[in-house]
């Protein structure tokens, strides 16, 4: 019978990679908690119009990458390609805004994009992210950036922070027309995607990774020169606060991000260790998105990070708990070994009951493969072996043995 294989672009996460995945998520959760962000758990599917209206009809996500289908009711459904739009939809639909004050949420889970699989990038991938609604103060931008940096620092991942400001939508209207005029003269040398972007979303041309497009935009008008005094002042305050926290950054005037909803501050944390697609976490402000999707005017800022990319950059996992292998010396003591393992686990110790049948030697091979710190041989007594030193001590009283392990 033919072997069934996973769908291209999807992956099984197990072994050390599963440990890295859980370590990254647990680290992020601890830091989200320190910043007092509350979890929100979102559906995997949404009405396709949510992403068309938020992410942007001309973005690569909507044009090329979304998994869409009709459900049995004839509704156009999409597997979520990103998290922010879903959080905003939940914020509006559940009238969280009516509770007053500002709101801070975090999420984690799978996203789906039909794109070419490559290192750290899959068609089903996973993200951690956070969103802060209801505050327009530049402090909120820096709070999000600081949160991301804290996560990366704990994970011991070296990155550089790049920042830019896109100003308000009003600031960009004049600039976009000037940029479109400039790029129209360079159109023949742009890639096919950027030729299409030229009409609908010329800002995206600045972010193109194709070398010919990079060359043609080197002398393009600078967005910063078209910003209002309010936007410039805001950006200067963000930089001041980052410096006050000793958060190093590089200003990148070409940084525009790939989604239409961003305003003012945008940022990326970038590594040089995983090739050209080196962004591991990114985000920015989206002060008009809640209103665009039918909610009240609400300033907002957030970020997302790809867990698979972070997994590539986590070099070492923290030391885990000592593993205790429990081995019955023969089948006569299986029941007693089961009871010993159960008692140890109730004492919050990490235990592997060696289930393999056969010789004591074969059971020890399993204990060694599992990198057990201790082995307990169960017979009429209990013999504890320290796998590091090789020393063995016999105990008649299981309670004394348990206390010894808890104190070790």
Protein backbone atom coordinates (compact mmCIF):
# COMPACT_ATOMS: atom_id res chain seq x y z
CA UNK A 1 0.00 0.00 0.00
CA UNK A 2 1.35 3.46 -0.93
CA UNK A 3 2.72 5.53 1.94
CA UNK A 4 0.70 8.65 2.78
CA UNK A 5 2.88 11.73 3.20
CA UNK A 6 2.23 15.18 4.60
CA UNK A 7 1.09 17.93 2.26
CA UNK A 8 3.94 20.03 0.82
CA UNK A 9 4.71 23.09 2.91
CA UNK A 10 3.35 21.54 6.11
CA UNK A 11 5.46 19.92 8.80
CA UNK A 12 5.46 17.63 11.80
CA UNK A 13 7.07 19.18 14.86
CA UNK A 14 8.51 16.60 17.26
CA UNK A 15 11.61 15.74 19.30
CA UNK A 16 13.96 18.64 19.99
CA UNK A 17 11.99 20.93 17.65
CA UNK A 18 8.86 20.36 19.73
CA UNK A 19 10.88 21.21 22.84
CA UNK A 20 12.11 24.40 21.18
CA UNK A 21 8.56 25.29 20.10
CA UNK A 22 7.20 24.88 23.63
CA UNK A 23 10.18 26.72 25.16
CA UNK A 24 9.61 29.71 22.86
CA UNK A 25 5.87 29.82 23.53
CA UNK A 26 6.29 29.42 27.30
CA UNK A 27 8.98 32.12 27.37
CA UNK A 28 6.72 34.51 25.46
CA UNK A 29 3.77 33.73 27.73
CA UNK A 30 5.80 34.56 30.84
CA UNK A 31 6.83 37.90 29.38
CA UNK A 32 3.32 38.70 28.15
CA UNK A 33 2.19 38.10 31.72
CA UNK A 34 4.87 40.45 33.08
CA UNK A 35 3.56 43.16 30.77
CA UNK A 36 -0.01 42.29 31.86
CA UNK A 37 -1.25 41.18 28.41
CA UNK A 38 -4.27 38.85 28.49
CA UNK A 39 -4.67 35.86 26.19
CA UNK A 40 -7.19 35.78 23.36
CA UNK A 41 -7.89 32.48 21.54
CA UNK A 42 -9.06 33.00 17.97
CA UNK A 43 -10.74 30.86 15.28
CA UNK A 44 -8.60 29.36 12.53
CA UNK A 45 -11.11 30.37 9.85
CA UNK A 46 -12.62 33.76 9.12
CA UNK A 47 -14.82 35.37 6.49
CA UNK A 48 -12.48 36.11 3.57
CA UNK A 49 -13.63 39.75 3.49
CA UNK A 50 -11.95 40.35 6.85
CA UNK A 51 -8.51 40.03 5.28
CA UNK A 52 -9.41 41.80 2.04
CA UNK A 53 -10.59 44.83 4.03
CA UNK A 54 -7.76 44.83 6.57
CA UNK A 55 -4.60 43.39 5.05
CA UNK A 56 -5.31 44.99 1.67
CA UNK A 57 -6.74 43.70 -1.60
CA UNK A 58 -3.49 44.28 -3.50
CA UNK A 59 -1.14 42.67 -0.95
CA UNK A 60 0.63 39.42 -1.75
CA UNK A 61 -1.28 37.73 1.08
CA UNK A 62 -4.67 38.41 -0.50
CA UNK A 63 -3.59 38.16 -4.14
CA UNK A 64 -1.47 35.01 -3.93
CA UNK A 65 -1.21 33.39 -0.53
CA UNK A 66 -4.59 32.94 1.16
CA UNK A 67 -6.17 29.51 1.51
CA UNK A 68 -9.79 30.19 0.62
CA UNK A 69 -12.78 27.91 0.06
CA UNK A 70 -16.58 27.89 0.13
CA UNK A 71 -18.20 26.16 3.07
CA UNK A 72 -21.38 24.10 2.78
CA UNK A 73 -23.42 27.26 3.24
CA UNK A 74 -21.74 28.87 0.24
CA UNK A 75 -19.80 31.37 2.37
CA UNK A 76 -16.29 32.44 1.29
CA UNK A 77 -13.99 31.29 4.08
CA UNK A 78 -10.25 31.79 4.57
CA UNK A 79 -7.74 30.04 6.81
CA UNK A 80 -6.27 32.93 8.76
CA UNK A 81 -3.00 34.19 7.18
CA UNK A 82 -2.17 36.50 10.12
CA UNK A 83 -3.45 37.30 13.60
CA UNK A 84 -4.01 41.04 13.89
CA UNK A 85 -7.13 41.23 11.72
CA UNK A 86 -8.77 38.43 13.75
CA UNK A 87 -7.99 40.16 17.04
CA UNK A 88 -9.48 43.40 15.71
CA UNK A 89 -12.57 41.56 14.50
CA UNK A 90 -12.98 39.98 17.96
CA UNK A 91 -12.42 43.36 19.64
CA UNK A 92 -15.28 44.85 17.60
CA UNK A 93 -17.69 41.91 17.49
CA UNK A 94 -17.50 41.28 21.24
CA UNK A 95 -17.75 45.04 21.96
CA UNK A 96 -14.63 44.92 24.09
CA UNK A 97 -14.18 48.62 23.32
CA UNK A 98 -17.39 49.34 25.29
CA UNK A 99 -15.70 48.20 28.50
CA UNK A 100 -13.70 51.44 28.52
CA UNK A 101 -9.99 51.98 29.09
CA UNK A 102 -7.36 50.30 26.97
CA UNK A 103 -6.91 46.59 26.26
CA UNK A 104 -3.85 44.37 25.83
CA UNK A 105 -4.10 40.92 24.21
CA UNK A 106 -1.67 38.21 23.16
CA UNK A 107 -2.21 35.13 21.00
CA UNK A 108 -0.35 32.13 19.65
CA UNK A 109 -1.20 29.53 17.06
CA UNK A 110 -1.17 28.40 13.44
CA UNK A 111 -1.45 30.68 10.41
CA UNK A 112 -1.70 29.63 6.75
CA UNK A 113 -0.18 31.11 3.59
CA UNK A 114 0.31 29.46 0.23
CA UNK A 115 3.89 30.50 -0.50
CA UNK A 116 7.13 28.82 -1.50
CA UNK A 117 8.43 26.75 1.43
CA UNK A 118 11.93 27.72 2.61
CA UNK A 119 14.01 27.80 5.79
CA UNK A 120 11.74 28.74 8.67
CA UNK A 121 8.80 29.43 6.37
CA UNK A 122 5.99 26.94 5.81
CA UNK A 123 2.44 27.01 4.44
CA UNK A 124 1.21 26.23 7.92
CA UNK A 125 3.32 28.23 10.34
CA UNK A 126 2.91 29.45 13.88
CA UNK A 127 3.04 32.89 15.42
CA UNK A 128 3.08 34.59 18.76
CA UNK A 129 1.75 38.12 18.79
CA UNK A 130 0.32 40.93 20.88
CA UNK A 131 -2.03 43.87 20.28
CA UNK A 132 -2.63 47.00 22.38
CA UNK A 133 -5.87 48.92 21.75
CA UNK A 134 -6.90 52.36 22.91
CA UNK A 135 -3.62 54.26 23.40
CA UNK A 136 -2.00 56.62 20.90
CA UNK A 137 0.88 57.66 23.12
CA UNK A 138 4.34 56.85 21.65
CA UNK A 139 4.96 55.02 24.95
CA UNK A 140 2.68 52.25 23.66
CA UNK A 141 4.89 51.76 20.59
CA UNK A 142 7.97 51.44 22.78
CA UNK A 143 6.15 49.14 25.20
CA UNK A 144 5.50 46.69 22.34
CA UNK A 145 9.07 46.96 21.01
CA UNK A 146 10.48 46.48 24.52
CA UNK A 147 8.28 43.42 25.02
CA UNK A 148 9.59 41.82 21.81
CA UNK A 149 13.18 42.60 22.74
CA UNK A 150 12.68 40.99 26.16
CA UNK A 151 11.43 37.79 24.52
CA UNK A 152 14.39 37.68 22.11
CA UNK A 153 16.86 38.43 24.91
CA UNK A 154 15.59 35.58 27.09
CA UNK A 155 15.79 33.25 24.07
CA UNK A 156 19.36 34.52 23.48
CA UNK A 157 18.60 35.46 19.87
CA UNK A 158 20.77 38.26 18.44
CA UNK A 159 18.94 40.64 16.12
CA UNK A 160 19.06 44.24 14.98
CA UNK A 161 16.03 46.47 15.37
CA UNK A 162 15.05 48.53 12.31
CA UNK A 163 12.42 51.24 12.63
CA UNK A 164 10.65 53.73 10.41
CA UNK A 165 7.59 55.94 10.42
CA UNK A 166 4.89 55.84 7.75
CA UNK A 167 3.07 58.86 9.12
CA UNK A 168 -0.70 59.09 8.93
CA UNK A 169 -2.82 58.07 5.94
CA UNK A 170 -3.23 61.78 5.22
CA UNK A 171 0.56 62.29 5.18
CA UNK A 172 0.98 59.45 2.73
CA UNK A 173 -1.55 60.61 0.12
CA UNK A 174 0.69 63.35 -1.29
CA UNK A 175 3.80 61.23 -0.96
CA UNK A 176 2.27 58.26 -2.77
CA UNK A 177 1.41 60.43 -5.76
CA UNK A 178 5.00 61.73 -5.92
CA UNK A 179 6.36 58.22 -5.55
CA UNK A 180 4.05 56.93 -8.28
CA UNK A 181 5.29 59.66 -10.66
CA UNK A 182 8.91 58.78 -9.89
CA UNK A 183 8.38 55.03 -10.30
CA UNK A 184 6.39 55.44 -13.52
CA UNK A 185 9.61 56.58 -15.20
CA UNK A 186 11.36 53.43 -13.91
CA UNK A 187 8.52 51.02 -14.68
CA UNK A 188 10.31 48.99 -17.36
CA UNK A 189 13.04 47.98 -14.91
CA UNK A 190 10.67 46.89 -12.13
CA UNK A 191 9.70 43.28 -11.49
CA UNK A 192 6.27 42.09 -12.64
CA UNK A 193 4.83 42.28 -9.13
CA UNK A 194 6.03 45.86 -8.66
CA UNK A 195 4.60 46.91 -12.00
CA UNK A 196 1.21 45.92 -10.61
CA UNK A 197 1.95 47.53 -7.22
CA UNK A 198 2.80 50.79 -8.97
CA UNK A 199 -0.88 51.53 -9.58
CA UNK A 200 -2.49 50.08 -6.47
CA UNK A 201 0.13 50.32 -3.72
CA UNK A 202 3.44 51.94 -4.78
CA UNK A 203 4.73 51.96 -1.19
CA UNK A 204 5.22 48.20 -1.49
CA UNK A 205 7.78 48.75 -4.26
CA UNK A 206 10.12 50.25 -1.64
CA UNK A 207 10.00 46.99 0.28
CA UNK A 208 10.65 44.73 -2.71
CA UNK A 209 13.58 42.31 -2.29
CA UNK A 210 14.32 42.04 -6.05
CA UNK A 211 17.69 43.68 -6.78
CA UNK A 212 16.52 45.60 -9.87
CA UNK A 213 13.69 47.16 -7.83
CA UNK A 214 16.09 48.04 -5.02
CA UNK A 215 18.35 49.81 -7.55
CA UNK A 216 15.51 51.77 -9.12
CA UNK A 217 14.23 53.03 -5.76
CA UNK A 218 17.57 54.19 -4.35
CA UNK A 219 16.90 57.80 -5.40
CA UNK A 220 13.15 57.70 -4.79
CA UNK A 221 11.53 60.52 -2.79
CA UNK A 222 11.75 59.97 0.97
CA UNK A 223 8.50 59.58 2.88
CA UNK A 224 9.96 61.40 5.87
CA UNK A 225 10.12 64.61 3.81
CA UNK A 226 6.33 64.53 3.37
CA UNK A 227 5.34 63.94 6.98
CA UNK A 228 3.38 66.42 9.07
CA UNK A 229 4.95 68.05 12.11
CA UNK A 230 2.73 65.90 14.31
CA UNK A 231 4.02 62.67 12.74
CA UNK A 232 7.65 63.82 12.92
CA UNK A 233 7.30 64.82 16.57
CA UNK A 234 5.75 61.47 17.36
CA UNK A 235 8.58 59.59 15.67
CA UNK A 236 11.19 61.63 17.52
CA UNK A 237 9.53 60.75 20.83
CA UNK A 238 9.59 57.03 19.95
CA UNK A 239 13.34 57.28 19.27
CA UNK A 240 13.88 59.20 22.50
CA UNK A 241 12.10 56.54 24.57
CA UNK A 242 14.00 53.71 22.86
CA UNK A 243 17.30 55.42 23.67
CA UNK A 244 16.17 55.91 27.27
CA UNK A 245 15.70 52.13 27.54
CA UNK A 246 19.10 51.48 25.87
CA UNK A 247 17.36 49.73 22.99
CA UNK A 248 19.63 50.10 19.96
CA UNK A 249 17.96 50.67 16.59
CA UNK A 250 18.69 51.47 12.95
CA UNK A 251 16.47 53.84 11.01
CA UNK A 252 15.43 52.29 7.69
CA UNK A 253 13.44 54.68 5.46
CA UNK A 254 12.63 51.78 3.09
CA UNK A 255 10.84 49.81 5.79
CA UNK A 256 7.12 49.92 4.96
CA UNK A 257 5.91 46.41 6.00
CA UNK A 258 3.74 44.30 3.72
CA UNK A 259 0.26 45.13 5.00
CA UNK A 260 -1.90 48.12 4.15
CA UNK A 261 -3.15 48.90 7.64
CA UNK A 262 0.06 50.30 9.17
CA UNK A 263 0.41 53.95 10.24
CA UNK A 264 3.26 55.84 11.94
CA UNK A 265 5.72 53.51 13.70
CA UNK A 266 6.76 50.28 11.99
CA UNK A 267 9.59 48.01 13.10
CA UNK A 268 11.36 44.73 12.40
CA UNK A 269 13.78 42.60 14.41
CA UNK A 270 16.15 41.07 11.84
CA UNK A 271 18.84 38.39 11.91
CA UNK A 272 21.53 37.62 9.33
CA UNK A 273 21.66 33.93 10.31
CA UNK A 274 18.79 32.48 8.26
CA UNK A 275 19.30 33.97 4.81
CA UNK A 276 17.61 36.84 3.00
CA UNK A 277 14.25 36.40 4.77
CA UNK A 278 15.74 37.39 8.12
CA UNK A 279 12.81 39.11 9.84
CA UNK A 280 11.90 37.15 12.99
CA UNK A 281 9.48 39.62 14.60
CA UNK A 282 7.77 42.73 13.28
CA UNK A 283 4.89 45.10 13.82
CA UNK A 284 3.72 48.66 14.12
CA UNK A 285 0.75 50.96 14.58
CA UNK A 286 -2.61 50.59 12.83
CA UNK A 287 -4.69 53.47 14.11
CA UNK A 288 -7.43 53.28 11.47
CA UNK A 289 -7.98 49.52 11.23
CA UNK A 290 -10.61 49.18 13.96
CA UNK A 291 -12.63 51.93 12.31
CA UNK A 292 -12.14 50.39 8.84
CA UNK A 293 -13.65 47.15 10.08
CA UNK A 294 -16.72 48.80 11.58
CA UNK A 295 -15.62 49.68 15.10
CA UNK A 296 -15.18 53.07 16.77
CA UNK A 297 -12.02 55.13 16.11
CA UNK A 298 -9.37 53.28 18.13
CA UNK A 299 -5.59 53.71 18.06
CA UNK A 300 -3.69 50.41 18.18
CA UNK A 301 -0.22 48.88 17.95
CA UNK A 302 1.02 45.30 17.83
CA UNK A 303 3.55 42.75 16.64
CA UNK A 304 3.88 39.14 15.52
CA UNK A 305 6.81 36.73 15.49
CA UNK A 306 7.22 33.50 13.54
CA UNK A 307 7.86 30.59 15.90
CA UNK A 308 9.50 28.41 13.20
CA UNK A 309 12.05 31.14 12.50
CA UNK A 310 12.75 31.56 16.19
CA UNK A 311 13.25 27.78 16.44
CA UNK A 312 16.08 28.04 13.89
CA UNK A 313 17.82 30.56 16.14
CA UNK A 314 17.45 28.90 19.55
CA UNK A 315 20.83 27.22 20.04
CA UNK A 316 20.31 25.71 23.45
CA UNK A 317 17.39 24.70 25.60
CA UNK A 318 17.38 25.32 29.36
CA UNK A 319 18.35 22.44 31.57
CA UNK A 320 15.28 20.30 32.21
CA UNK A 321 14.35 18.37 35.34
CA UNK A 322 16.31 15.25 36.20
CA UNK A 323 14.73 12.16 34.70
CA UNK A 324 14.33 9.12 36.98
CA UNK A 325 14.05 5.73 35.27
CA UNK A 326 12.18 3.05 37.22
CA UNK A 327 13.17 -0.52 36.25
CA UNK A 328 11.63 -3.72 37.64
CA UNK A 329 14.44 -6.28 37.78
CA UNK A 330 12.02 -8.89 36.38
CA UNK A 331 8.32 -9.28 35.55
CA UNK A 332 7.53 -10.33 39.13
CA UNK A 333 8.08 -6.71 40.25
CA UNK A 334 6.16 -4.95 37.44
CA UNK A 335 3.22 -4.01 39.67
CA UNK A 336 5.49 -2.68 42.40
CA UNK A 337 7.47 -0.67 39.82
CA UNK A 338 4.21 0.81 38.57
CA UNK A 339 3.32 1.89 42.10
CA UNK A 340 6.80 3.36 42.66
CA UNK A 341 6.57 5.41 39.44
CA UNK A 342 3.11 6.65 40.40
CA UNK A 343 4.28 7.70 43.88
CA UNK A 344 7.28 9.60 42.47
CA UNK A 345 5.11 11.44 39.96
CA UNK A 346 2.72 12.50 42.72
CA UNK A 347 5.78 14.06 44.39
CA UNK A 348 6.25 16.14 41.19
CA UNK A 349 9.29 14.20 40.05
CA UNK A 350 9.91 13.40 36.38
CA UNK A 351 9.70 9.63 35.86
CA UNK A 352 10.05 7.14 33.03
CA UNK A 353 8.74 3.70 33.88
CA UNK A 354 10.78 1.46 31.58
CA UNK A 355 8.09 -0.53 29.78
CA UNK A 356 10.39 -2.64 27.64
CA UNK A 357 10.41 -6.34 28.45
CA UNK A 358 13.56 -8.42 28.35
CA UNK A 359 16.87 -8.44 30.17
CA UNK A 360 18.02 -5.87 32.72
CA UNK A 361 20.78 -4.91 30.29
CA UNK A 362 18.28 -4.07 27.53
CA UNK A 363 16.24 -1.99 29.97
CA UNK A 364 19.36 -0.06 30.99
CA UNK A 365 20.03 0.70 27.33
CA UNK A 366 16.65 2.43 27.22
CA UNK A 367 17.43 4.40 30.39
CA UNK A 368 20.76 5.51 28.90
CA UNK A 369 19.16 6.52 25.60
CA UNK A 370 16.67 8.65 27.51
CA UNK A 371 19.58 10.35 29.33
CA UNK A 372 18.20 9.42 32.74
CA UNK A 373 19.90 11.09 35.70
CA UNK A 374 18.92 8.30 38.09
CA UNK A 375 17.74 4.70 37.87
CA UNK A 376 15.71 2.92 40.54
CA UNK A 377 15.91 -0.87 40.38
CA UNK A 378 12.76 -2.30 41.93
CA UNK A 379 12.87 -5.68 43.67
CA UNK A 380 12.33 -6.64 47.33
CA UNK A 381 14.18 -3.37 48.00
CA UNK A 382 14.89 -0.20 46.02
CA UNK A 383 18.35 0.46 44.62
CA UNK A 384 19.14 3.98 43.44
CA UNK A 385 21.87 4.46 40.83
CA UNK A 386 23.33 7.90 40.09
CA UNK A 387 24.03 7.73 36.34
CA UNK A 388 26.61 10.52 36.51
CA UNK A 389 28.81 9.09 39.26
CA UNK A 390 27.84 5.43 38.94
CA UNK A 391 27.27 5.11 42.68
CA UNK A 392 24.43 2.87 43.94
CA UNK A 393 22.61 2.94 47.29
CA UNK A 394 20.03 0.40 48.51
CA UNK A 395 16.88 1.59 50.33
CA UNK A 396 14.41 -0.54 52.22
CA UNK A 397 12.02 2.36 52.80
CA UNK A 398 10.57 3.97 49.66
CA UNK A 399 9.64 7.16 51.54
CA UNK A 400 13.30 7.75 52.45
CA UNK A 401 14.30 7.19 48.82
CA UNK A 402 11.68 9.69 47.63
CA UNK A 403 12.90 12.30 50.11
CA UNK A 404 16.49 11.74 48.96
CA UNK A 405 15.48 12.39 45.33
CA UNK A 406 13.49 15.50 46.24
CA UNK A 407 16.52 16.90 48.08
CA UNK A 408 19.00 16.07 45.31
